[in-house]
Amino acid sequence: TAVYYCNAQGRLYDTPPTRDFWGQ
């Protein structure tokens, strides 16, 4: 039992740096 969150790593135009993004 918990709140489950989605996480994704992304790069703008496939160029560094890599950033983290989170769902609600």
PDB file of all heavy atoms in Angstrom:
ATOM      1  N   THR A   1       0.832  -1.195   0.000  1.00  0.00           N
ATOM      2  CA  THR A   1       0.000   0.000   0.000  1.00  0.00           C
ATOM      3  C   THR A   1       0.871   1.252   0.000  1.00  0.00           C
ATOM      4  O   THR A   1       1.737   1.414   0.860  1.00  0.00           O
ATOM      5  CB  THR A   1      -0.929   0.017   1.216  1.00  0.00           C
ATOM      6  OG1 THR A   1      -1.847  -1.081   1.124  1.00  0.00           O
ATOM      7  CG2 THR A   1      -1.729   1.315   1.283  1.00  0.00           C
ATOM      8  N   ALA A   2       0.652   2.123  -0.967  1.00  0.00           N
ATOM      9  CA  ALA A   2       1.448   3.335  -1.112  1.00  0.00           C
ATOM     10  C   ALA A   2       0.922   4.131  -2.292  1.00  0.00           C
ATOM     11  O   ALA A   2       0.084   3.657  -3.057  1.00  0.00           O
ATOM     12  CB  ALA A   2       2.926   2.994  -1.336  1.00  0.00           C
ATOM     13  N   VAL A   3       1.442   5.335  -2.430  1.00  0.00           N
ATOM     14  CA  VAL A   3       1.239   6.084  -3.655  1.00  0.00           C
ATOM     15  C   VAL A   3       2.383   5.728  -4.590  1.00  0.00           C
ATOM     16  O   VAL A   3       3.552   5.825  -4.216  1.00  0.00           O
ATOM     17  CB  VAL A   3       1.208   7.604  -3.415  1.00  0.00           C
ATOM     18  CG1 VAL A   3       1.074   8.352  -4.737  1.00  0.00           C
ATOM     19  CG2 VAL A   3       0.048   7.959  -2.490  1.00  0.00           C
ATOM     20  N   TYR A   4       2.056   5.305  -5.784  1.00  0.00           N
ATOM     21  CA  TYR A   4       3.055   4.894  -6.755  1.00  0.00           C
ATOM     22  C   TYR A   4       3.281   6.008  -7.767  1.00  0.00           C
ATOM     23  O   TYR A   4       2.331   6.534  -8.354  1.00  0.00           O
ATOM     24  CB  TYR A   4       2.615   3.607  -7.464  1.00  0.00           C
ATOM     25  CG  TYR A   4       2.795   2.385  -6.604  1.00  0.00           C
ATOM     26  CD1 TYR A   4       1.972   2.162  -5.504  1.00  0.00           C
ATOM     27  CD2 TYR A   4       3.812   1.459  -6.863  1.00  0.00           C
ATOM     28  CE1 TYR A   4       2.151   1.058  -4.685  1.00  0.00           C
ATOM     29  CE2 TYR A   4       3.993   0.358  -6.058  1.00  0.00           C
ATOM     30  CZ  TYR A   4       3.160   0.158  -4.970  1.00  0.00           C
ATOM     31  OH  TYR A   4       3.333  -0.945  -4.160  1.00  0.00           O
ATOM     32  N   TYR A   5       4.540   6.360  -7.955  1.00  0.00           N
ATOM     33  CA  TYR A   5       4.918   7.464  -8.825  1.00  0.00           C
ATOM     34  C   TYR A   5       5.733   6.978 -10.009  1.00  0.00           C
ATOM     35  O   TYR A   5       6.609   6.127  -9.874  1.00  0.00           O
ATOM     36  CB  TYR A   5       5.761   8.490  -8.066  1.00  0.00           C
ATOM     37  CG  TYR A   5       5.039   9.205  -6.952  1.00  0.00           C
ATOM     38  CD1 TYR A   5       5.065   8.711  -5.655  1.00  0.00           C
ATOM     39  CD2 TYR A   5       4.332  10.380  -7.194  1.00  0.00           C
ATOM     40  CE1 TYR A   5       4.411   9.359  -4.628  1.00  0.00           C
ATOM     41  CE2 TYR A   5       3.676  11.038  -6.173  1.00  0.00           C
ATOM     42  CZ  TYR A   5       3.721  10.522  -4.893  1.00  0.00           C
ATOM     43  OH  TYR A   5       3.075  11.171  -3.867  1.00  0.00           O
ATOM     44  N   CYS A   6       5.463   7.552 -11.145  1.00  0.00           N
ATOM     45  CA  CYS A   6       6.233   7.290 -12.349  1.00  0.00           C
ATOM     46  C   CYS A   6       7.372   8.298 -12.447  1.00  0.00           C
ATOM     47  O   CYS A   6       7.194   9.483 -12.139  1.00  0.00           O
ATOM     48  CB  CYS A   6       5.322   7.394 -13.570  1.00  0.00           C
ATOM     49  SG  CYS A   6       6.128   7.117 -15.159  1.00  0.00           S
ATOM     50  N   ASN A   7       8.524   7.828 -12.865  1.00  0.00           N
ATOM     51  CA  ASN A   7       9.691   8.678 -13.044  1.00  0.00           C
ATOM     52  C   ASN A   7      10.284   8.429 -14.422  1.00  0.00           C
ATOM     53  O   ASN A   7      10.307   7.298 -14.905  1.00  0.00           O
ATOM     54  CB  ASN A   7      10.736   8.379 -11.964  1.00  0.00           C
ATOM     55  CG  ASN A   7      12.088   9.004 -12.250  1.00  0.00           C
ATOM     56  OD1 ASN A   7      12.957   8.383 -12.863  1.00  0.00           O
ATOM     57  ND2 ASN A   7      12.267  10.240 -11.808  1.00  0.00           N
ATOM     58  N   ALA A   8      10.763   9.484 -15.035  1.00  0.00           N
ATOM     59  CA  ALA A   8      11.417   9.350 -16.332  1.00  0.00           C
ATOM     60  C   ALA A   8      12.609  10.287 -16.410  1.00  0.00           C
ATOM     61  O   ALA A   8      12.577  11.398 -15.873  1.00  0.00           O
ATOM     62  CB  ALA A   8      10.446   9.647 -17.471  1.00  0.00           C
ATOM     63  N   GLN A   9      13.636   9.823 -17.062  1.00  0.00           N
ATOM     64  CA  GLN A   9      14.796  10.653 -17.344  1.00  0.00           C
ATOM     65  C   GLN A   9      14.738  11.077 -18.799  1.00  0.00           C
ATOM     66  O   GLN A   9      14.406  10.280 -19.678  1.00  0.00           O
ATOM     67  CB  GLN A   9      16.093   9.897 -17.067  1.00  0.00           C
ATOM     68  CG  GLN A   9      16.288   9.520 -15.610  1.00  0.00           C
ATOM     69  CD  GLN A   9      17.614   8.843 -15.348  1.00  0.00           C
ATOM     70  OE1 GLN A   9      18.335   8.480 -16.283  1.00  0.00           O
ATOM     71  NE2 GLN A   9      17.948   8.668 -14.090  1.00  0.00           N
ATOM     72  N   GLY A  10      15.045  12.348 -19.035  1.00  0.00           N
ATOM     73  CA  GLY A  10      14.966  12.858 -20.386  1.00  0.00           C
ATOM     74  C   GLY A  10      16.061  13.856 -20.694  1.00  0.00           C
ATOM     75  O   GLY A  10      16.618  14.491 -19.803  1.00  0.00           O
ATOM     76  N   ARG A  11      16.363  13.962 -21.966  1.00  0.00           N
ATOM     77  CA  ARG A  11      17.349  14.929 -22.442  1.00  0.00           C
ATOM     78  C   ARG A  11      16.728  15.744 -23.563  1.00  0.00           C
ATOM     79  O   ARG A  11      16.156  15.191 -24.504  1.00  0.00           O
ATOM     80  CB  ARG A  11      18.617  14.237 -22.940  1.00  0.00           C
ATOM     81  CG  ARG A  11      19.337  13.412 -21.879  1.00  0.00           C
ATOM     82  CD  ARG A  11      20.752  13.073 -22.307  1.00  0.00           C
ATOM     83  NE  ARG A  11      20.788  12.323 -23.555  1.00  0.00           N
ATOM     84  CZ  ARG A  11      21.899  12.008 -24.204  1.00  0.00           C
ATOM     85  NH1 ARG A  11      23.084  12.391 -23.715  1.00  0.00           N
ATOM     86  NH2 ARG A  11      21.837  11.319 -25.330  1.00  0.00           N
ATOM     87  N   LEU A  12      16.851  17.079 -23.454  1.00  0.00           N
ATOM     88  CA  LEU A  12      16.298  17.966 -24.452  1.00  0.00           C
ATOM     89  C   LEU A  12      17.025  17.781 -25.775  1.00  0.00           C
ATOM     90  O   LEU A  12      18.250  17.925 -25.838  1.00  0.00           O
ATOM     91  CB  LEU A  12      16.406  19.417 -23.981  1.00  0.00           C
ATOM     92  CG  LEU A  12      15.788  20.478 -24.888  1.00  0.00           C
ATOM     93  CD1 LEU A  12      14.295  20.261 -25.023  1.00  0.00           C
ATOM     94  CD2 LEU A  12      16.093  21.867 -24.336  1.00  0.00           C
ATOM     95  N   TYR A  13      16.269  17.449 -26.800  1.00  0.00           N
ATOM     96  CA  TYR A  13      16.836  17.187 -28.128  1.00  0.00           C
ATOM     97  C   TYR A  13      17.971  16.165 -28.055  1.00  0.00           C
ATOM     98  O   TYR A  13      18.940  16.241 -28.810  1.00  0.00           O
ATOM     99  CB  TYR A  13      17.313  18.487 -28.775  1.00  0.00           C
ATOM    100  CG  TYR A  13      16.209  19.490 -28.992  1.00  0.00           C
ATOM    101  CD1 TYR A  13      16.196  20.702 -28.312  1.00  0.00           C
ATOM    102  CD2 TYR A  13      15.170  19.213 -29.873  1.00  0.00           C
ATOM    103  CE1 TYR A  13      15.176  21.619 -28.500  1.00  0.00           C
ATOM    104  CE2 TYR A  13      14.143  20.122 -30.064  1.00  0.00           C
ATOM    105  CZ  TYR A  13      14.150  21.318 -29.376  1.00  0.00           C
ATOM    106  OH  TYR A  13      13.134  22.230 -29.569  1.00  0.00           O
ATOM    107  N   ASP A  14      17.800  15.213 -27.137  1.00  0.00           N
ATOM    108  CA  ASP A  14      18.768  14.134 -26.933  1.00  0.00           C
ATOM    109  C   ASP A  14      20.161  14.682 -26.642  1.00  0.00           C
ATOM    110  O   ASP A  14      21.166  14.100 -27.065  1.00  0.00           O
ATOM    111  CB  ASP A  14      18.791  13.212 -28.158  1.00  0.00           C
ATOM    112  CG  ASP A  14      19.339  11.837 -27.842  1.00  0.00           C
ATOM    113  OD1 ASP A  14      19.322  11.440 -26.658  1.00  0.00           O
ATOM    114  OD2 ASP A  14      19.789  11.150 -28.777  1.00  0.00           O
ATOM    115  N   THR A  15      20.211  15.783 -25.906  1.00  0.00           N
ATOM    116  CA  THR A  15      21.467  16.445 -25.578  1.00  0.00           C
ATOM    117  C   THR A  15      21.578  16.635 -24.068  1.00  0.00           C
ATOM    118  O   THR A  15      20.592  16.999 -23.422  1.00  0.00           O
ATOM    119  CB  THR A  15      21.549  17.814 -26.282  1.00  0.00           C
ATOM    120  OG1 THR A  15      21.475  17.625 -27.699  1.00  0.00           O
ATOM    121  CG2 THR A  15      22.853  18.517 -25.943  1.00  0.00           C
ATOM    122  N   PRO A  16      22.755  16.379 -23.465  1.00  0.00           N
ATOM    123  CA  PRO A  16      22.934  16.595 -22.027  1.00  0.00           C
ATOM    124  C   PRO A  16      22.607  18.029 -21.629  1.00  0.00           C
ATOM    125  O   PRO A  16      22.716  18.946 -22.461  1.00  0.00           O
ATOM    126  CB  PRO A  16      24.416  16.286 -21.804  1.00  0.00           C
ATOM    127  CG  PRO A  16      24.786  15.363 -22.933  1.00  0.00           C
ATOM    128  CD  PRO A  16      23.997  15.870 -24.096  1.00  0.00           C
ATOM    129  N   PRO A  17      22.199  18.251 -20.352  1.00  0.00           N
ATOM    130  CA  PRO A  17      22.141  17.301 -19.247  1.00  0.00           C
ATOM    131  C   PRO A  17      20.859  16.479 -19.223  1.00  0.00           C
ATOM    132  O   PRO A  17      19.861  16.854 -19.844  1.00  0.00           O
ATOM    133  CB  PRO A  17      22.216  18.206 -18.013  1.00  0.00           C
ATOM    134  CG  PRO A  17      21.490  19.438 -18.458  1.00  0.00           C
ATOM    135  CD  PRO A  17      21.898  19.626 -19.905  1.00  0.00           C
ATOM    136  N   THR A  18      20.894  15.367 -18.490  1.00  0.00           N
ATOM    137  CA  THR A  18      19.723  14.541 -18.283  1.00  0.00           C
ATOM    138  C   THR A  18      18.921  15.077 -17.103  1.00  0.00           C
ATOM    139  O   THR A  18      19.486  15.410 -16.065  1.00  0.00           O
ATOM    140  CB  THR A  18      20.122  13.083 -18.011  1.00  0.00           C
ATOM    141  OG1 THR A  18      20.825  12.571 -19.147  1.00  0.00           O
ATOM    142  CG2 THR A  18      18.890  12.215 -17.766  1.00  0.00           C
ATOM    143  N   ARG A  19      17.602  15.157 -17.249  1.00  0.00           N
ATOM    144  CA  ARG A  19      16.727  15.661 -16.202  1.00  0.00           C
ATOM    145  C   ARG A  19      15.739  14.589 -15.765  1.00  0.00           C
ATOM    146  O   ARG A  19      15.409  13.678 -16.531  1.00  0.00           O
ATOM    147  CB  ARG A  19      15.953  16.893 -16.696  1.00  0.00           C
ATOM    148  CG  ARG A  19      16.847  18.067 -17.074  1.00  0.00           C
ATOM    149  CD  ARG A  19      16.038  19.177 -17.721  1.00  0.00           C
ATOM    150  NE  ARG A  19      14.987  19.675 -16.856  1.00  0.00           N
ATOM    151  CZ  ARG A  19      15.153  20.625 -15.947  1.00  0.00           C
ATOM    152  NH1 ARG A  19      16.349  21.192 -15.785  1.00  0.00           N
ATOM    153  NH2 ARG A  19      14.133  21.010 -15.198  1.00  0.00           N
ATOM    154  N   ASP A  20      15.272  14.705 -14.518  1.00  0.00           N
ATOM    155  CA  ASP A  20      14.263  13.807 -13.970  1.00  0.00           C
ATOM    156  C   ASP A  20      12.884  14.452 -14.016  1.00  0.00           C
ATOM    157  O   ASP A  20      12.727  15.637 -13.720  1.00  0.00           O
ATOM    158  CB  ASP A  20      14.578  13.441 -12.517  1.00  0.00           C
ATOM    159  CG  ASP A  20      15.564  12.300 -12.399  1.00  0.00           C
ATOM    160  OD1 ASP A  20      15.614  11.451 -13.300  1.00  0.00           O
ATOM    161  OD2 ASP A  20      16.287  12.262 -11.383  1.00  0.00           O
ATOM    162  N   PHE A  21      11.877  13.649 -14.352  1.00  0.00           N
ATOM    163  CA  PHE A  21      10.495  14.102 -14.377  1.00  0.00           C
ATOM    164  C   PHE A  21       9.637  13.134 -13.581  1.00  0.00           C
ATOM    165  O   PHE A  21       9.895  11.931 -13.560  1.00  0.00           O
ATOM    166  CB  PHE A  21       9.983  14.208 -15.815  1.00  0.00           C
ATOM    167  CG  PHE A  21      10.787  15.139 -16.664  1.00  0.00           C
ATOM    168  CD1 PHE A  21      11.842  14.674 -17.425  1.00  0.00           C
ATOM    169  CD2 PHE A  21      10.504  16.496 -16.693  1.00  0.00           C
ATOM    170  CE1 PHE A  21      12.603  15.532 -18.208  1.00  0.00           C
ATOM    171  CE2 PHE A  21      11.253  17.371 -17.469  1.00  0.00           C
ATOM    172  CZ  PHE A  21      12.300  16.886 -18.222  1.00  0.00           C
ATOM    173  N   TRP A  22       8.597  13.663 -12.932  1.00  0.00           N
ATOM    174  CA  TRP A  22       7.751  12.875 -12.044  1.00  0.00           C
ATOM    175  C   TRP A  22       6.279  13.054 -12.365  1.00  0.00           C
ATOM    176  O   TRP A  22       5.827  14.148 -12.707  1.00  0.00           O
ATOM    177  CB  TRP A  22       7.974  13.282 -10.579  1.00  0.00           C
ATOM    178  CG  TRP A  22       9.334  12.961 -10.068  1.00  0.00           C
ATOM    179  CD1 TRP A  22      10.435  13.764 -10.104  1.00  0.00           C
ATOM    180  CD2 TRP A  22       9.739  11.749  -9.439  1.00  0.00           C
ATOM    181  NE1 TRP A  22      11.510  13.123  -9.537  1.00  0.00           N
ATOM    182  CE2 TRP A  22      11.107  11.885  -9.116  1.00  0.00           C
ATOM    183  CE3 TRP A  22       9.076  10.568  -9.110  1.00  0.00           C
ATOM    184  CZ2 TRP A  22      11.826  10.868  -8.477  1.00  0.00           C
ATOM    185  CZ3 TRP A  22       9.790   9.565  -8.482  1.00  0.00           C
ATOM    186  CH2 TRP A  22      11.148   9.727  -8.174  1.00  0.00           C
ATOM    187  N   GLY A  23       5.532  11.966 -12.232  1.00  0.00           N
ATOM    188  CA  GLY A  23       4.087  12.043 -12.292  1.00  0.00           C
ATOM    189  C   GLY A  23       3.520  12.436 -10.939  1.00  0.00           C
ATOM    190  O   GLY A  23       4.247  12.577  -9.954  1.00  0.00           O
ATOM    191  N   GLN A  24       2.202  12.607 -10.869  1.00  0.00           N
ATOM    192  CA  GLN A  24       1.559  13.021  -9.630  1.00  0.00           C
ATOM    193  C   GLN A  24       1.189  11.854  -8.728  1.00  0.00           C
ATOM    194  O   GLN A  24       0.798  12.063  -7.584  1.00  0.00           O
ATOM    195  CB  GLN A  24       0.317  13.856  -9.939  1.00  0.00           C
ATOM    196  CG  GLN A  24       0.642  15.189 -10.597  1.00  0.00           C
ATOM    197  CD  GLN A  24      -0.578  16.070 -10.766  1.00  0.00           C
ATOM    198  OE1 GLN A  24      -1.706  15.676 -10.469  1.00  0.00           O
ATOM    199  NE2 GLN A  24      -0.360  17.281 -11.247  1.00  0.00           N
TER     200      GLN A  24
END
